Amino acid sequence: MSSDTDISISSYNEDQGSKIIQRSREAPFVPVGMAVVAYGLYRLKNRGNTKMSIHLIHIHVAAQGFVVTAMTL
């Protein structure tokens, strides 16, 4: 076998952690967005006496603010 095949096969054997780190370097807003979504889901579960519609409006406004800030930067 040629050494080119060995190099291409070894490049596919990356672990999951290095892929996540590489992708976060390419697009730094993706992990931040995932964290915001995770926080929103957490707050949805523990929203207390707040109505669902009010909670979703707050999440929507927060997401819009994040997008505007990301586009401005």
C-alpha atoms as a PDB file:
ATOM      1  CA  MET A   1       0.000   0.000   0.000  1.00  0.00           C
ATOM      2  CA  SER A   2       1.098   3.526  -0.550  1.00  0.00           C
ATOM      3  CA  SER A   3       1.806   6.002   2.192  1.00  0.00           C
ATOM      4  CA  ASP A   4      -0.921   8.343   0.882  1.00  0.00           C
ATOM      5  CA  THR A   5      -3.558   5.791   1.844  1.00  0.00           C
ATOM      6  CA  ASP A   6      -2.079   5.457   5.328  1.00  0.00           C
ATOM      7  CA  ILE A   7      -2.195   9.220   5.836  1.00  0.00           C
ATOM      8  CA  SER A   8      -5.811   9.522   4.690  1.00  0.00           C
ATOM      9  CA  ILE A   9      -6.920   6.601   6.888  1.00  0.00           C
ATOM     10  CA  SER A  10      -5.183   8.051   9.932  1.00  0.00           C
ATOM     11  CA  SER A  11      -6.895  11.400   9.382  1.00  0.00           C
ATOM     12  CA  TYR A  12     -10.279   9.673   9.732  1.00  0.00           C
ATOM     13  CA  ASN A  13      -9.304   8.202  13.086  1.00  0.00           C
ATOM     14  CA  GLU A  14      -9.628  11.487  14.988  1.00  0.00           C
ATOM     15  CA  ASP A  15     -11.410  11.334  18.291  1.00  0.00           C
ATOM     16  CA  GLN A  16     -14.644  13.233  18.949  1.00  0.00           C
ATOM     17  CA  GLY A  17     -13.032  15.813  21.243  1.00  0.00           C
ATOM     18  CA  SER A  18     -10.570  17.016  18.629  1.00  0.00           C
ATOM     19  CA  LYS A  19     -13.356  17.346  16.058  1.00  0.00           C
ATOM     20  CA  ILE A  20     -15.377  19.529  18.417  1.00  0.00           C
ATOM     21  CA  ILE A  21     -12.345  21.703  19.173  1.00  0.00           C
ATOM     22  CA  GLN A  22     -11.554  22.067  15.476  1.00  0.00           C
ATOM     23  CA  ARG A  23     -15.126  23.018  14.594  1.00  0.00           C
ATOM     24  CA  SER A  24     -15.326  25.512  17.438  1.00  0.00           C
ATOM     25  CA  ARG A  25     -12.192  27.214  16.127  1.00  0.00           C
ATOM     26  CA  GLU A  26     -13.704  27.441  12.645  1.00  0.00           C
ATOM     27  CA  ALA A  27     -17.043  28.821  13.874  1.00  0.00           C
ATOM     28  CA  PRO A  28     -16.750  30.210  17.428  1.00  0.00           C
ATOM     29  CA  PHE A  29     -20.413  31.220  17.689  1.00  0.00           C
ATOM     30  CA  VAL A  30     -21.692  27.653  17.314  1.00  0.00           C
ATOM     31  CA  PRO A  31     -20.642  26.486  20.823  1.00  0.00           C
ATOM     32  CA  VAL A  32     -21.958  29.734  22.284  1.00  0.00           C
ATOM     33  CA  GLY A  33     -25.271  29.202  20.508  1.00  0.00           C
ATOM     34  CA  MET A  34     -25.437  25.640  21.773  1.00  0.00           C
ATOM     35  CA  ALA A  35     -24.857  26.899  25.307  1.00  0.00           C
ATOM     36  CA  VAL A  36     -27.665  29.447  24.917  1.00  0.00           C
ATOM     37  CA  VAL A  37     -30.021  26.734  23.680  1.00  0.00           C
ATOM     38  CA  ALA A  38     -29.052  24.472  26.574  1.00  0.00           C
ATOM     39  CA  TYR A  39     -29.688  27.305  29.033  1.00  0.00           C
ATOM     40  CA  GLY A  40     -33.061  28.001  27.403  1.00  0.00           C
ATOM     41  CA  LEU A  41     -34.065  24.361  27.724  1.00  0.00           C
ATOM     42  CA  TYR A  42     -32.962  24.351  31.357  1.00  0.00           C
ATOM     43  CA  ARG A  43     -35.009  27.464  32.060  1.00  0.00           C
ATOM     44  CA  LEU A  44     -37.978  25.932  30.233  1.00  0.00           C
ATOM     45  CA  LYS A  45     -37.891  22.982  32.597  1.00  0.00           C
ATOM     46  CA  ASN A  46     -37.517  25.177  35.700  1.00  0.00           C
ATOM     47  CA  ARG A  47     -39.651  28.168  34.739  1.00  0.00           C
ATOM     48  CA  GLY A  48     -41.771  28.205  37.872  1.00  0.00           C
ATOM     49  CA  ASN A  49     -45.130  29.961  37.559  1.00  0.00           C
ATOM     50  CA  THR A  50     -44.318  31.757  34.307  1.00  0.00           C
ATOM     51  CA  LYS A  51     -46.664  31.031  31.414  1.00  0.00           C
ATOM     52  CA  MET A  52     -45.200  29.139  28.474  1.00  0.00           C
ATOM     53  CA  SER A  53     -45.962  31.939  26.003  1.00  0.00           C
ATOM     54  CA  ILE A  54     -44.158  34.554  28.108  1.00  0.00           C
ATOM     55  CA  HIS A  55     -41.174  32.256  28.523  1.00  0.00           C
ATOM     56  CA  LEU A  56     -40.969  31.627  24.763  1.00  0.00           C
ATOM     57  CA  ILE A  57     -41.163  35.361  24.049  1.00  0.00           C
ATOM     58  CA  HIS A  58     -38.235  35.965  26.410  1.00  0.00           C
ATOM     59  CA  ILE A  59     -36.195  33.206  24.753  1.00  0.00           C
ATOM     60  CA  HIS A  60     -37.034  34.621  21.309  1.00  0.00           C
ATOM     61  CA  VAL A  61     -35.920  38.125  22.274  1.00  0.00           C
ATOM     62  CA  ALA A  62     -32.696  36.765  23.779  1.00  0.00           C
ATOM     63  CA  ALA A  63     -31.967  34.783  20.607  1.00  0.00           C
ATOM     64  CA  GLN A  64     -32.575  37.843  18.437  1.00  0.00           C
ATOM     65  CA  GLY A  65     -30.241  39.892  20.613  1.00  0.00           C
ATOM     66  CA  PHE A  66     -27.560  37.241  20.294  1.00  0.00           C
ATOM     67  CA  VAL A  67     -27.878  37.198  16.485  1.00  0.00           C
ATOM     68  CA  VAL A  68     -27.700  40.991  16.242  1.00  0.00           C
ATOM     69  CA  THR A  69     -24.637  41.060  18.498  1.00  0.00           C
ATOM     70  CA  ALA A  70     -22.936  38.302  16.496  1.00  0.00           C
ATOM     71  CA  MET A  71     -23.620  40.086  13.209  1.00  0.00           C
ATOM     72  CA  THR A  72     -22.343  43.376  14.622  1.00  0.00           C
ATOM     73  CA  LEU A  73     -19.087  41.787  15.747  1.00  0.00           C
END
